[in-house]
Protein backbone atom coordinates (compact mmCIF):
# COMPACT_ATOMS: atom_id res chain seq x y z
CA MET A 1 -7.66 -28.68 -14.61
CA ARG A 2 -11.37 -27.68 -13.70
CA LEU A 3 -12.49 -24.57 -15.49
CA PRO A 4 -13.95 -21.79 -13.56
CA ASP A 5 -17.72 -21.70 -12.66
CA ILE A 6 -20.19 -19.68 -15.08
CA ARG A 7 -21.01 -16.88 -13.61
CA LYS A 8 -23.09 -13.86 -14.57
CA PRO A 9 -21.22 -11.87 -17.37
CA VAL A 10 -19.41 -8.52 -16.01
CA SER A 11 -20.13 -5.45 -17.88
CA LEU A 12 -17.21 -4.32 -19.40
CA SER A 13 -18.72 -1.14 -20.16
CA THR A 14 -17.49 0.02 -16.69
CA PHE A 15 -13.81 -0.74 -17.13
CA ASP A 16 -13.39 0.28 -20.44
CA ARG A 17 -11.13 3.28 -18.85
CA LYS A 18 -11.34 6.36 -21.65
CA ASP A 19 -7.93 8.10 -19.49
CA LEU A 20 -5.77 5.18 -20.40
CA VAL A 21 -3.09 6.30 -22.46
CA VAL A 22 0.20 4.48 -23.85
CA PRO A 23 3.55 6.37 -24.40
CA GLY A 24 2.81 8.39 -28.25
CA ASP A 25 -0.84 8.77 -27.78
CA VAL A 26 -2.76 12.86 -27.98
CA ILE A 27 -3.84 13.57 -25.14
CA THR A 28 -5.65 16.70 -26.29
CA SER A 29 -4.61 19.04 -28.76
CA ASP A 30 -5.63 22.11 -27.32
CA THR A 31 -2.90 24.66 -26.41
CA GLY A 32 -4.72 26.36 -23.66
CA PHE A 33 -3.53 23.18 -21.22
CA MET A 34 -0.13 22.89 -19.45
CA ARG A 35 2.52 20.19 -19.31
CA GLY A 36 2.65 17.85 -16.46
CA HIS A 37 4.49 14.78 -15.69
CA GLY A 38 4.58 11.63 -18.30
CA THR A 39 4.01 14.19 -21.09
CA TYR A 40 5.55 16.12 -23.95
CA VAL A 41 4.38 18.72 -26.80
CA ASP A 42 5.09 17.05 -30.34
CA GLU A 43 3.48 18.99 -33.20
CA ASP A 44 1.55 21.37 -30.07
CA LYS A 45 -0.18 18.42 -29.21
CA LEU A 46 0.24 17.10 -25.69
CA THR A 47 1.32 13.55 -26.07
CA ALA A 48 1.95 10.34 -23.27
CA SER A 49 5.33 9.61 -23.08
CA VAL A 50 4.58 6.77 -20.47
CA ALA A 51 1.66 4.10 -20.33
CA GLY A 52 -0.91 5.41 -17.65
CA GLU A 53 -3.49 7.27 -16.36
CA VAL A 54 -4.40 10.95 -17.33
CA GLN A 55 -4.56 13.13 -14.71
CA ARG A 56 -5.97 16.80 -15.09
CA VAL A 57 -5.92 19.41 -12.67
CA ASP A 58 -7.75 22.80 -13.77
CA LYS A 59 -5.49 23.94 -17.07
CA LEU A 60 -2.48 20.82 -15.76
CA ILE A 61 -1.74 17.94 -17.22
CA CYS A 62 0.11 14.62 -16.50
CA VAL A 63 -0.13 10.78 -17.26
CA ARG A 64 0.23 8.66 -13.74
CA PRO A 65 2.26 5.16 -14.83
CA LEU A 66 0.63 2.17 -14.25
CA LYS A 67 4.14 0.45 -12.87
CA THR A 68 6.37 2.88 -11.39
CA ARG A 69 8.16 2.98 -8.04
CA PHE A 70 6.12 4.67 -4.94
CA ASN A 71 6.67 8.70 -5.21
CA GLY A 72 5.81 9.63 -1.79
CA GLU A 73 3.27 12.38 -1.03
CA VAL A 74 3.49 13.79 2.15
CA GLY A 75 0.15 12.30 4.55
CA ASP A 76 1.06 9.13 2.88
CA VAL A 77 1.60 6.32 4.94
CA VAL A 78 3.66 3.68 4.60
CA VAL A 79 5.53 0.41 5.65
CA GLY A 80 9.21 -0.37 5.57
CA ARG A 81 12.14 -2.20 6.35
CA ILE A 82 14.96 -0.15 8.25
CA THR A 83 18.04 -1.37 6.38
CA GLU A 84 20.53 1.29 8.10
CA VAL A 85 21.61 3.12 11.59
CA GLN A 86 22.80 6.34 10.60
CA GLN A 87 24.06 9.16 13.02
CA LYS A 88 20.53 10.34 14.62
CA ARG A 89 18.61 8.70 11.78
CA TRP A 90 17.27 5.37 10.30
CA LYS A 91 17.20 4.94 6.47
CA VAL A 92 14.36 2.55 5.77
CA GLU A 93 13.50 0.69 2.26
CA THR A 94 9.74 2.04 0.95
CA ASN A 95 10.02 1.06 -2.91
CA SER A 96 10.92 4.03 -3.91
CA ARG A 97 13.50 5.44 -5.48
CA LEU A 98 15.71 6.38 -2.92
CA ASP A 99 16.10 5.40 1.16
CA SER A 100 13.61 7.12 3.22
CA VAL A 101 14.61 8.31 6.14
CA LEU A 102 13.41 8.37 9.75
CA LEU A 103 14.63 11.23 11.87
CA LEU A 104 15.52 10.06 16.26
CA SER A 105 13.61 13.60 16.89
CA SER A 106 11.00 11.96 14.62
CA VAL A 107 9.71 9.26 16.45
CA ASN A 108 8.49 8.66 19.85
CA LEU A 109 10.09 8.07 22.98
CA PRO A 110 9.26 4.75 24.80
CA GLY A 111 6.96 5.53 27.48
CA GLY A 112 5.74 8.87 25.38
CA GLU A 113 8.15 11.52 27.13
CA LEU A 114 8.60 14.51 25.67
CA ARG A 115 11.39 16.32 26.21
CA ARG A 116 15.39 16.81 23.81
CA ARG A 117 16.54 13.16 22.49
CA SER A 118 20.37 13.33 23.57
CA ALA A 119 23.23 11.29 23.21
CA GLU A 120 22.51 8.80 25.32
CA ASP A 121 19.23 8.33 23.06
CA GLU A 122 21.37 8.86 20.47
CA LEU A 123 24.05 5.58 21.67
CA THR A 124 20.49 3.54 22.73
CA MET A 125 19.53 3.42 18.39
CA ARG A 126 19.15 -0.13 18.21
CA GLU A 127 16.83 -0.68 20.95
CA TYR A 128 14.34 0.93 19.71
CA LEU A 129 14.96 -0.22 15.75
CA GLN A 130 17.30 -2.01 14.85
CA GLU A 131 18.33 -3.62 10.80
CA GLY A 132 15.41 -6.03 9.35
CA ASP A 133 12.50 -4.09 10.92
CA LEU A 134 9.54 -3.47 9.69
CA ILE A 135 7.86 -0.08 10.55
CA SER A 136 4.94 1.37 10.09
CA ALA A 137 4.75 5.34 9.13
CA GLU A 138 3.45 8.62 7.57
CA VAL A 139 5.55 10.65 5.31
CA GLN A 140 6.28 14.05 7.15
CA SER A 141 7.91 15.59 4.40
CA VAL A 142 9.47 14.68 0.53
CA PHE A 143 13.41 16.83 0.15
CA ALA A 144 14.78 18.37 -2.47
CA ASP A 145 16.01 15.12 -4.83
CA GLY A 146 12.98 13.32 -3.63
CA ALA A 147 13.94 11.40 -0.86
CA LEU A 148 11.52 10.94 1.90
CA SER A 149 11.33 11.79 5.81
CA LEU A 150 8.86 9.78 7.87
CA HIS A 151 7.66 9.76 11.47
CA THR A 152 6.49 7.88 13.53
CA ARG A 153 5.18 9.97 16.09
CA SER A 154 1.41 8.40 16.94
CA LEU A 155 0.26 5.82 18.82
CA LYS A 156 -1.10 3.89 15.38
CA TYR A 157 2.97 4.03 13.94
CA GLY A 158 5.92 2.08 15.07
CA LYS A 159 6.93 -1.11 15.27
CA LEU A 160 5.33 -4.11 12.75
CA GLY A 161 5.26 -7.08 15.48
CA GLN A 162 3.96 -10.84 14.28
CA GLY A 163 2.48 -10.45 10.63
CA VAL A 164 3.28 -10.96 6.99
CA VAL A 165 4.16 -7.86 4.27
CA VAL A 166 3.18 -8.16 0.86
CA GLN A 167 4.89 -6.12 -1.47
CA LEU A 168 2.38 -5.67 -4.37
CA SER A 169 2.37 -2.40 -7.19
CA PRO A 170 2.33 1.13 -5.42
CA SER A 171 -0.57 2.07 -7.93
CA LEU A 172 -2.60 -0.12 -7.16
CA ILE A 173 -3.64 1.51 -3.17
CA LYS A 174 -6.57 3.28 -3.32
CA ARG A 175 -6.10 6.31 -1.29
CA GLN A 176 -8.43 6.69 1.57
CA LYS A 177 -8.78 8.61 4.57
CA SER A 178 -7.44 5.73 7.14
CA HIS A 179 -5.67 2.93 5.76
CA PHE A 180 -5.32 0.84 8.95
CA HIS A 181 -8.67 -2.09 8.89
CA ASN A 182 -9.68 -4.40 11.40
CA LEU A 183 -11.20 -6.62 9.31
CA PRO A 184 -14.10 -8.63 10.50
CA CYS A 185 -12.59 -12.04 9.58
CA GLY A 186 -10.21 -11.67 12.74
CA ALA A 187 -7.28 -10.25 10.78
CA SER A 188 -6.00 -6.72 9.73
CA ILE A 189 -4.40 -4.82 7.21
CA ILE A 190 -2.15 -1.80 7.02
CA LEU A 191 -2.09 -1.07 3.34
CA GLY A 192 0.73 1.21 2.75
CA ASN A 193 0.54 3.29 -0.34
CA ASN A 194 3.62 2.79 -1.38
CA GLY A 195 3.01 -1.06 -2.39
CA TYR A 196 3.76 -2.58 1.19
CA VAL A 197 0.68 -4.21 2.98
CA TRP A 198 1.27 -5.87 6.18
CA LEU A 199 -1.28 -8.59 7.75
CA TYR A 200 -1.63 -8.88 11.50
CA PRO A 201 -4.03 -10.89 14.25
CA THR A 202 -6.42 -8.00 14.84
CA PRO A 203 -4.87 -7.38 18.81
CA GLU A 204 -6.91 -8.54 21.12
CA ASN A 205 -5.75 -5.07 23.31
CA GLN A 206 -6.49 -2.25 21.41
CA GLU A 207 -4.23 0.24 23.59
CA GLU A 208 -1.28 -1.99 23.01
CA GLU A 209 -1.75 -2.06 19.12
CA ALA A 210 1.87 -0.36 17.18
CA GLY A 211 2.79 1.78 19.71
CA GLY A 212 5.91 2.74 20.28
CA PHE A 213 8.54 -0.17 20.24
CA TYR A 214 6.83 -2.65 21.82
CA THR A 215 5.67 -5.40 20.17
CA SER A 216 3.55 -9.26 21.33
CA LEU A 217 5.62 -11.87 20.27
CA GLU A 218 2.76 -14.81 21.56
CA PRO A 219 2.38 -17.30 19.73
CA VAL A 220 -0.36 -17.00 16.99
CA SER A 221 -3.12 -19.57 16.59
CA LEU A 222 -3.12 -21.85 13.57
CA SER A 223 -6.75 -20.06 12.74
CA ASP A 224 -5.45 -16.89 12.65
CA ARG A 225 -2.33 -17.98 10.63
CA GLU A 226 -5.08 -19.67 8.06
CA VAL A 227 -7.29 -16.11 7.94
CA ILE A 228 -3.96 -14.86 6.97
CA SER A 229 -2.45 -16.69 4.81
CA ARG A 230 -5.94 -16.40 2.86
CA LEU A 231 -5.49 -12.42 2.89
CA ARG A 232 -2.58 -12.81 1.34
CA ASN A 233 -3.64 -14.86 -1.62
CA CYS A 234 -6.01 -12.56 -1.84
CA LEU A 235 -4.37 -9.84 -2.36
CA LEU A 236 -1.72 -11.54 -4.74
CA ALA A 237 -4.78 -12.95 -6.77
CA LEU A 238 -6.29 -9.69 -6.92
CA ALA A 239 -3.09 -7.48 -7.66
CA ALA A 240 -2.78 -9.96 -10.60
CA HIS A 241 -5.86 -8.95 -12.42
CA LYS A 242 -5.32 -5.12 -11.09
CA VAL A 243 -8.15 -4.61 -9.15
CA LEU A 244 -7.75 -1.82 -7.48
CA LEU A 245 -7.42 -2.43 -3.24
CA PHE A 246 -9.18 -1.20 -0.40
CA ASP A 247 -10.42 -2.84 2.58
CA THR A 248 -14.17 -3.39 0.73
CA SER A 249 -12.31 -5.62 -1.95
CA VAL A 250 -9.73 -7.37 -0.10
CA LEU A 251 -12.90 -8.16 2.39
CA TYR A 252 -15.25 -9.23 -1.29
CA CYS A 253 -12.28 -11.39 -2.20
CA TYR A 254 -12.12 -12.92 1.30
CA GLU A 255 -15.65 -14.26 1.32
CA SER A 256 -15.66 -14.84 -2.36
CA SER A 257 -12.40 -17.66 -1.39
CA LEU A 258 -13.87 -18.88 1.39
CA GLN A 259 -15.74 -22.02 -0.56
CA HIS A 260 -11.98 -23.22 -1.73
CA GLN A 261 -8.95 -24.49 0.09
CA VAL A 262 -6.00 -21.72 0.67
CA LYS A 263 -3.84 -23.03 -1.15
CA ASP A 264 -6.17 -23.44 -4.30
CA ILE A 265 -6.34 -19.81 -4.36
CA LEU A 266 -3.99 -19.06 -6.53
CA LYS A 267 -4.80 -21.69 -9.14
CA PRO A 268 -5.42 -19.61 -11.79
CA GLU A 269 -9.02 -21.26 -12.75
CA VAL A 270 -10.39 -20.58 -8.94
CA MET A 271 -7.78 -17.10 -9.17
CA GLU A 272 -10.62 -16.09 -11.63
CA GLU A 273 -13.55 -17.26 -10.76
CA ILE A 274 -12.72 -15.70 -6.97
CA VAL A 275 -12.17 -12.25 -8.46
CA MET A 276 -15.09 -12.44 -11.00
CA LEU A 277 -17.29 -13.01 -8.04
CA THR A 278 -15.38 -9.84 -6.38
CA GLN A 279 -15.65 -7.52 -9.50
CA GLN A 280 -19.78 -8.23 -9.16
CA LYS A 281 -19.69 -7.54 -5.51
CA LEU A 282 -18.06 -4.19 -6.03
CA LEU A 283 -20.64 -3.30 -8.91
CA GLU A 284 -23.42 -4.04 -7.06
CA HIS A 285 -22.34 -2.65 -4.01
CA GLU A 286 -21.27 1.16 -6.56
CA ALA A 287 -24.78 0.57 -7.99
């Protein structure tokens, strides 16, 4: 067993979070604040009922749990798996409390036709998407019971082809303007807000990328498979050390892991060394 190399000590002051609470912690004794999710009032003090991060919006205080099922919001990008084909809709597993719904009227027809969906379209639903297919989609609305309604009307969403899905905690995915990234190492990544991350080889023809239902089944080269495997192990290493996942942190971790073989990345001592290097790079980048 080899120990991690001695590196510059990472300043812990950055990671000393004052907004993290555990159940029973008093958030504030000021009575002017409103009680939000994850809080309760005990002897006129606002107290946390879950372990997580305190979020303040004007006078509203809520606690966002660090480990929870995905609570979707309108506009979130998700990666999900079709579990059932029903009348005029598909059921999609998106790591939330309830199965999400993808309506037949919320998908692009093959060829991009714009017309009303007919009974014939309903009969051929399995030709578009069937049980077990992976898709990328966007949350269109949230039903009263908390279930999500999805859509794939943009050409960047649709059925996913060859690649690897990595299941992580939704709280580790950083919210960004775009969750679709083409990394310079030759692979692309979709960081789903629901904690499902999709890794796939960057398509040569960008027009064909994820457009509707066409998926390339061409064999993936060995070099591309190695890059995707390395990225997958980097994601698992970052998640194990609770590092926020976004395109920059994933790329820095990939660069830090190049001196090791793919199979060695998940060894505890190597993982610690790679994550430490990544955190140093992120601190230098922020500075």
